[in-house]
Structure formats: structure tokens, C-alpha cells
N, C-alpha and C. Protein backbone atom coordinates (compact mmCIF):
# COMPACT_ATOMS: atom_id res chain seq x y z
N MET A 1 102.93 -29.23 -28.89
CA MET A 1 102.00 -28.45 -29.69
C MET A 1 102.48 -27.00 -29.71
N THR A 2 102.57 -26.43 -30.89
CA THR A 2 102.98 -25.03 -31.00
C THR A 2 101.78 -24.13 -30.77
N GLU A 3 102.07 -22.88 -30.47
CA GLU A 3 101.00 -21.92 -30.18
C GLU A 3 100.11 -21.67 -31.40
N LEU A 4 100.62 -21.92 -32.61
CA LEU A 4 99.85 -21.66 -33.82
C LEU A 4 99.28 -22.92 -34.47
N ALA A 5 99.41 -24.06 -33.80
CA ALA A 5 98.81 -25.30 -34.33
C ALA A 5 97.30 -25.22 -34.14
N LEU A 6 96.56 -25.60 -35.17
CA LEU A 6 95.10 -25.59 -35.08
C LEU A 6 94.63 -26.66 -34.11
N LEU A 7 93.59 -26.32 -33.34
CA LEU A 7 93.04 -27.24 -32.35
C LEU A 7 91.77 -27.87 -32.88
N SER A 8 91.45 -29.05 -32.39
CA SER A 8 90.25 -29.76 -32.83
C SER A 8 89.01 -29.15 -32.17
N PRO A 9 87.88 -29.21 -32.86
CA PRO A 9 86.63 -28.73 -32.27
C PRO A 9 86.30 -29.44 -30.96
N GLU A 10 86.63 -30.72 -30.87
CA GLU A 10 86.33 -31.49 -29.66
C GLU A 10 87.09 -30.93 -28.46
N LEU A 11 88.37 -30.64 -28.66
CA LEU A 11 89.19 -30.10 -27.57
C LEU A 11 88.68 -28.73 -27.15
N ILE A 12 88.35 -27.90 -28.11
CA ILE A 12 87.85 -26.56 -27.80
C ILE A 12 86.53 -26.65 -27.06
N GLY A 13 85.64 -27.53 -27.51
CA GLY A 13 84.36 -27.72 -26.85
C GLY A 13 84.49 -28.19 -25.41
N GLN A 14 85.48 -29.05 -25.16
CA GLN A 14 85.71 -29.53 -23.80
C GLN A 14 86.26 -28.42 -22.90
N LYS A 15 87.19 -27.66 -23.42
CA LYS A 15 87.84 -26.62 -22.62
C LYS A 15 86.97 -25.37 -22.44
N LEU A 16 86.12 -25.09 -23.44
CA LEU A 16 85.35 -23.84 -23.44
C LEU A 16 83.87 -24.11 -23.72
N PRO A 17 83.18 -24.74 -22.79
CA PRO A 17 81.79 -25.13 -23.06
C PRO A 17 80.82 -23.96 -23.26
N ASP A 18 81.16 -22.76 -22.77
CA ASP A 18 80.25 -21.61 -22.90
C ASP A 18 80.48 -20.82 -24.19
N TRP A 19 81.48 -21.20 -24.97
CA TRP A 19 81.78 -20.52 -26.22
C TRP A 19 81.16 -21.31 -27.37
N HIS A 20 80.79 -20.59 -28.44
CA HIS A 20 80.12 -21.21 -29.59
C HIS A 20 80.98 -21.04 -30.84
N SER A 21 80.95 -22.05 -31.67
CA SER A 21 81.77 -22.00 -32.89
C SER A 21 81.13 -21.08 -33.93
N ARG A 22 81.99 -20.55 -34.75
CA ARG A 22 81.58 -19.75 -35.90
C ARG A 22 82.44 -20.15 -37.08
N ASP A 23 81.90 -20.03 -38.27
CA ASP A 23 82.67 -20.28 -39.49
C ASP A 23 83.34 -21.65 -39.47
N GLU A 24 82.58 -22.68 -39.12
CA GLU A 24 83.09 -24.05 -39.10
C GLU A 24 84.35 -24.18 -38.24
N TRP A 25 84.28 -23.65 -37.04
CA TRP A 25 85.35 -23.73 -36.04
C TRP A 25 86.59 -22.91 -36.40
N LYS A 26 86.42 -21.87 -37.21
CA LYS A 26 87.54 -20.97 -37.47
C LYS A 26 87.61 -19.87 -36.43
N SER A 27 86.51 -19.71 -35.68
CA SER A 27 86.49 -18.75 -34.58
C SER A 27 85.48 -19.23 -33.54
N ILE A 28 85.59 -18.64 -32.35
CA ILE A 28 84.63 -18.92 -31.28
C ILE A 28 84.06 -17.59 -30.81
N HIS A 29 82.86 -17.67 -30.25
CA HIS A 29 82.12 -16.45 -29.89
C HIS A 29 81.39 -16.66 -28.57
N ARG A 30 81.28 -15.57 -27.81
CA ARG A 30 80.49 -15.61 -26.58
C ARG A 30 79.92 -14.22 -26.31
N GLU A 31 78.72 -14.21 -25.76
CA GLU A 31 78.02 -12.98 -25.39
C GLU A 31 78.03 -12.85 -23.87
N PHE A 32 78.21 -11.63 -23.39
CA PHE A 32 78.22 -11.35 -21.96
C PHE A 32 77.23 -10.23 -21.67
N ARG A 33 76.56 -10.32 -20.53
CA ARG A 33 75.57 -9.30 -20.15
C ARG A 33 75.91 -8.79 -18.74
N PHE A 34 75.74 -7.48 -18.57
CA PHE A 34 76.08 -6.83 -17.31
C PHE A 34 74.92 -5.97 -16.83
N LYS A 35 75.06 -5.44 -15.63
CA LYS A 35 74.00 -4.61 -15.05
C LYS A 35 73.81 -3.33 -15.85
N ASP A 36 74.92 -2.73 -16.29
CA ASP A 36 74.81 -1.46 -17.01
C ASP A 36 76.07 -1.25 -17.86
N PHE A 37 76.12 -0.11 -18.52
CA PHE A 37 77.23 0.20 -19.41
C PHE A 37 78.57 0.27 -18.66
N ALA A 38 78.57 0.89 -17.49
CA ALA A 38 79.81 1.04 -16.73
C ALA A 38 80.41 -0.33 -16.38
N ASP A 39 79.58 -1.27 -15.99
CA ASP A 39 80.08 -2.60 -15.66
C ASP A 39 80.59 -3.32 -16.91
N ALA A 40 79.88 -3.18 -18.01
CA ALA A 40 80.33 -3.80 -19.26
C ALA A 40 81.67 -3.22 -19.70
N PHE A 41 81.80 -1.92 -19.62
CA PHE A 41 83.04 -1.27 -20.03
C PHE A 41 84.19 -1.61 -19.09
N GLY A 42 83.89 -1.73 -17.81
CA GLY A 42 84.91 -2.14 -16.84
C GLY A 42 85.44 -3.53 -17.14
N PHE A 43 84.54 -4.44 -17.48
CA PHE A 43 84.93 -5.80 -17.88
C PHE A 43 85.84 -5.75 -19.11
N MET A 44 85.47 -4.93 -20.08
CA MET A 44 86.28 -4.81 -21.29
C MET A 44 87.68 -4.29 -20.96
N ALA A 45 87.78 -3.38 -20.01
CA ALA A 45 89.09 -2.85 -19.63
C ALA A 45 89.97 -3.95 -19.02
N VAL A 46 89.37 -4.79 -18.19
CA VAL A 46 90.11 -5.91 -17.60
C VAL A 46 90.58 -6.88 -18.69
N VAL A 47 89.70 -7.23 -19.60
CA VAL A 47 90.05 -8.14 -20.68
C VAL A 47 91.13 -7.52 -21.57
N ALA A 48 91.03 -6.23 -21.82
CA ALA A 48 92.01 -5.55 -22.68
C ALA A 48 93.42 -5.67 -22.11
N ILE A 49 93.56 -5.59 -20.80
CA ILE A 49 94.88 -5.72 -20.18
C ILE A 49 95.44 -7.12 -20.41
N HIS A 50 94.60 -8.14 -20.21
CA HIS A 50 95.04 -9.53 -20.44
C HIS A 50 95.39 -9.75 -21.91
N ALA A 51 94.55 -9.26 -22.79
CA ALA A 51 94.78 -9.44 -24.23
C ALA A 51 96.07 -8.77 -24.66
N ASP A 52 96.30 -7.59 -24.15
CA ASP A 52 97.52 -6.87 -24.52
C ASP A 52 98.77 -7.60 -24.02
N LYS A 53 98.72 -8.12 -22.80
CA LYS A 53 99.85 -8.87 -22.26
C LYS A 53 100.12 -10.13 -23.07
N GLN A 54 99.06 -10.74 -23.61
CA GLN A 54 99.21 -11.95 -24.42
C GLN A 54 99.49 -11.63 -25.89
N ASP A 55 99.41 -10.36 -26.25
CA ASP A 55 99.56 -9.94 -27.63
C ASP A 55 98.61 -10.71 -28.55
N HIS A 56 97.39 -10.87 -28.07
CA HIS A 56 96.35 -11.58 -28.82
C HIS A 56 95.04 -10.85 -28.55
N HIS A 57 94.52 -10.15 -29.53
CA HIS A 57 93.43 -9.22 -29.31
C HIS A 57 92.11 -9.73 -29.88
N PRO A 58 91.04 -9.58 -29.11
CA PRO A 58 89.73 -10.07 -29.55
C PRO A 58 89.08 -9.14 -30.57
N GLU A 59 88.16 -9.71 -31.29
CA GLU A 59 87.20 -8.91 -32.07
C GLU A 59 86.02 -8.76 -31.13
N TRP A 60 85.64 -7.54 -30.82
CA TRP A 60 84.55 -7.38 -29.85
C TRP A 60 83.75 -6.14 -30.11
N SER A 61 82.57 -6.13 -29.48
CA SER A 61 81.72 -4.95 -29.56
C SER A 61 80.97 -4.82 -28.24
N ASN A 62 80.50 -3.62 -28.00
CA ASN A 62 79.76 -3.31 -26.78
C ASN A 62 78.56 -2.46 -27.15
N VAL A 63 77.40 -2.89 -26.71
CA VAL A 63 76.19 -2.10 -26.82
C VAL A 63 75.56 -2.08 -25.44
N TYR A 64 75.58 -0.92 -24.83
CA TYR A 64 75.10 -0.67 -23.48
C TYR A 64 75.63 -1.70 -22.49
N ASN A 65 74.81 -2.68 -22.08
CA ASN A 65 75.25 -3.63 -21.05
C ASN A 65 75.66 -4.98 -21.64
N GLN A 66 75.89 -5.04 -22.94
CA GLN A 66 76.25 -6.30 -23.59
C GLN A 66 77.63 -6.19 -24.24
N VAL A 67 78.39 -7.26 -24.11
CA VAL A 67 79.70 -7.35 -24.76
C VAL A 67 79.72 -8.65 -25.56
N SER A 68 80.10 -8.55 -26.82
CA SER A 68 80.24 -9.71 -27.70
C SER A 68 81.71 -9.87 -28.02
N ILE A 69 82.23 -11.10 -27.85
CA ILE A 69 83.64 -11.36 -28.12
C ILE A 69 83.77 -12.52 -29.09
N THR A 70 84.59 -12.32 -30.11
CA THR A 70 84.95 -13.38 -31.06
C THR A 70 86.46 -13.52 -31.04
N LEU A 71 86.92 -14.77 -30.97
CA LEU A 71 88.35 -15.05 -30.96
C LEU A 71 88.74 -15.94 -32.13
N THR A 72 89.86 -15.65 -32.72
CA THR A 72 90.46 -16.47 -33.77
C THR A 72 91.94 -16.09 -33.85
N THR A 73 92.73 -16.97 -34.42
CA THR A 73 94.13 -16.65 -34.67
C THR A 73 94.27 -16.46 -36.17
N HIS A 74 94.35 -15.21 -36.59
CA HIS A 74 94.38 -14.90 -38.02
C HIS A 74 95.59 -15.53 -38.72
N ASP A 75 96.73 -15.54 -38.05
CA ASP A 75 97.95 -16.10 -38.65
C ASP A 75 97.81 -17.59 -38.96
N ALA A 76 96.95 -18.28 -38.21
CA ALA A 76 96.76 -19.72 -38.42
C ALA A 76 95.46 -20.02 -39.16
N ALA A 77 94.66 -18.99 -39.43
CA ALA A 77 93.36 -19.15 -40.09
C ALA A 77 92.46 -20.12 -39.34
N GLY A 78 92.47 -20.02 -38.02
CA GLY A 78 91.61 -20.89 -37.22
C GLY A 78 91.88 -20.71 -35.74
N LEU A 79 91.50 -21.71 -34.98
CA LEU A 79 91.60 -21.64 -33.52
C LEU A 79 92.86 -22.36 -33.03
N THR A 80 93.57 -21.67 -32.14
CA THR A 80 94.81 -22.21 -31.60
C THR A 80 94.82 -22.09 -30.08
N ALA A 81 95.92 -22.53 -29.49
CA ALA A 81 96.08 -22.42 -28.04
C ALA A 81 96.00 -20.97 -27.57
N ARG A 82 96.36 -20.03 -28.43
CA ARG A 82 96.26 -18.61 -28.06
C ARG A 82 94.81 -18.22 -27.80
N ASP A 83 93.90 -18.75 -28.60
CA ASP A 83 92.48 -18.44 -28.42
C ASP A 83 91.94 -19.06 -27.14
N VAL A 84 92.34 -20.31 -26.89
CA VAL A 84 91.89 -20.98 -25.67
C VAL A 84 92.40 -20.24 -24.44
N LYS A 85 93.67 -19.86 -24.46
CA LYS A 85 94.26 -19.15 -23.33
C LYS A 85 93.54 -17.83 -23.06
N LEU A 86 93.26 -17.07 -24.11
CA LEU A 86 92.57 -15.80 -23.91
C LEU A 86 91.12 -16.02 -23.48
N ALA A 87 90.44 -17.00 -24.07
CA ALA A 87 89.05 -17.30 -23.68
C ALA A 87 88.98 -17.71 -22.21
N GLU A 88 89.95 -18.48 -21.75
CA GLU A 88 89.97 -18.87 -20.34
C GLU A 88 90.16 -17.64 -19.45
N CYS A 89 91.00 -16.70 -19.86
CA CYS A 89 91.17 -15.45 -19.12
C CYS A 89 89.88 -14.63 -19.11
N VAL A 90 89.22 -14.58 -20.26
CA VAL A 90 87.95 -13.85 -20.37
C VAL A 90 86.92 -14.47 -19.42
N ASP A 91 86.81 -15.80 -19.43
CA ASP A 91 85.85 -16.48 -18.56
C ASP A 91 86.16 -16.22 -17.09
N LEU A 92 87.43 -16.26 -16.73
CA LEU A 92 87.84 -15.99 -15.36
C LEU A 92 87.52 -14.55 -14.97
N ALA A 93 87.82 -13.62 -15.85
CA ALA A 93 87.51 -12.21 -15.59
C ALA A 93 86.01 -12.00 -15.42
N TYR A 94 85.22 -12.65 -16.28
CA TYR A 94 83.77 -12.50 -16.18
C TYR A 94 83.26 -13.07 -14.85
N GLY A 95 83.78 -14.21 -14.46
CA GLY A 95 83.36 -14.79 -13.19
C GLY A 95 83.70 -13.90 -12.01
N ARG A 96 84.91 -13.37 -12.01
CA ARG A 96 85.33 -12.47 -10.93
C ARG A 96 84.58 -11.15 -10.99
N PHE A 97 84.43 -10.62 -12.19
CA PHE A 97 83.76 -9.34 -12.36
C PHE A 97 82.29 -9.44 -11.97
N SER A 98 81.64 -10.51 -12.37
CA SER A 98 80.22 -10.70 -12.05
C SER A 98 80.02 -10.76 -10.54
N ALA A 99 80.95 -11.41 -9.85
CA ALA A 99 80.84 -11.53 -8.40
C ALA A 99 81.04 -10.18 -7.71
N MET A 100 81.77 -9.27 -8.37
CA MET A 100 82.06 -7.96 -7.76
C MET A 100 81.08 -6.88 -8.21
N GLN A 101 80.16 -7.19 -9.10
CA GLN A 101 79.27 -6.15 -9.62
C GLN A 101 78.48 -5.50 -8.50
N ARG A 102 78.24 -4.22 -8.71
CA ARG A 102 77.46 -3.47 -7.74
C ARG A 102 76.05 -4.04 -7.69
N PRO A 103 75.47 -4.08 -6.50
CA PRO A 103 74.08 -4.52 -6.43
C PRO A 103 73.17 -3.50 -7.10
N LEU A 104 72.01 -3.96 -7.52
CA LEU A 104 71.05 -3.04 -8.11
C LEU A 104 70.67 -1.99 -7.07
N SER A 105 70.58 -0.74 -7.48
CA SER A 105 70.26 0.33 -6.54
C SER A 105 68.81 0.21 -6.10
N THR A 106 68.58 0.67 -4.90
CA THR A 106 67.22 0.66 -4.37
C THR A 106 66.76 2.09 -4.17
N SER A 107 65.48 2.27 -4.00
CA SER A 107 64.94 3.62 -3.83
C SER A 107 64.96 4.06 -2.37
N THR A 108 65.52 3.28 -1.47
CA THR A 108 65.52 3.65 -0.05
C THR A 108 66.41 4.84 0.24
N ASP A 109 67.36 5.13 -0.66
CA ASP A 109 68.24 6.27 -0.44
C ASP A 109 67.61 7.59 -0.84
N SER A 110 66.59 7.56 -1.66
CA SER A 110 65.99 8.81 -2.10
C SER A 110 64.92 9.26 -1.13
N LYS A 111 64.79 10.58 -1.02
CA LYS A 111 63.79 11.14 -0.10
C LYS A 111 62.56 11.54 -0.89
N ASP A 112 61.43 11.33 -0.27
CA ASP A 112 60.19 11.76 -0.92
C ASP A 112 60.09 13.26 -0.89
N THR A 113 59.74 13.83 -2.02
CA THR A 113 59.49 15.27 -2.07
C THR A 113 58.07 15.47 -2.52
N GLN A 114 57.42 16.38 -1.88
CA GLN A 114 56.01 16.63 -2.26
C GLN A 114 55.83 18.05 -2.69
């Protein structure tokens, strides 16, 4: 299988169960949520490094603590092994990043002032 051969929806669904099809399987999409903007942006920085190394860049957006990612291979007009490879990297980064996220801050560090 070449890197630009179109993949079947069944194969993509098996490999990437958390991703959703768009445009009749011409692209896949996933939403990610984080504690805050800094964590969301940090995740995007990690993904950007992987995407750049693979020379396959996502369509994405960030609003505060949310990141939306859409993947497609424009040269093939659909989904290819390049999309699966990057989506697997994104999923791995999200799993690792989520495990490393800072805990929610507590008010025990602040002093009462009267």
C-alpha cells in the first residue's frame, strides 16, 4: 500500500475509534479539551513537531481550552496512511499530555486577608 492510497472507512474506524468522519470519509475530525489555554497550546506545540517531521499538517483551531483537529490528504482527495499515522501520534500525544497536566489549583496556597 502506498502512502497516498485511499483507505477504507472500515479500516479507519478500526484504527481510530475516537475520530469521526467528515465529508463522506474524505476527512476525519476529533475534538480535545484541556484544563486551560496553556495546556491546549502546549498540546498543539507537541503535535506541531510531529506533524512537521511527517510533513503532513493538520487543519486545526484552538479556542481557549479546546482544540479541534481535522485530517485529510489533499493530494489524494481523501484519507490515507499519512492521516492514520498522524492521528495515532495525536492520540498518543493527547494521552501522554493529559496524564502530565497540572492538577487543578487549590485555594490552600492563598492567605486570607481581612
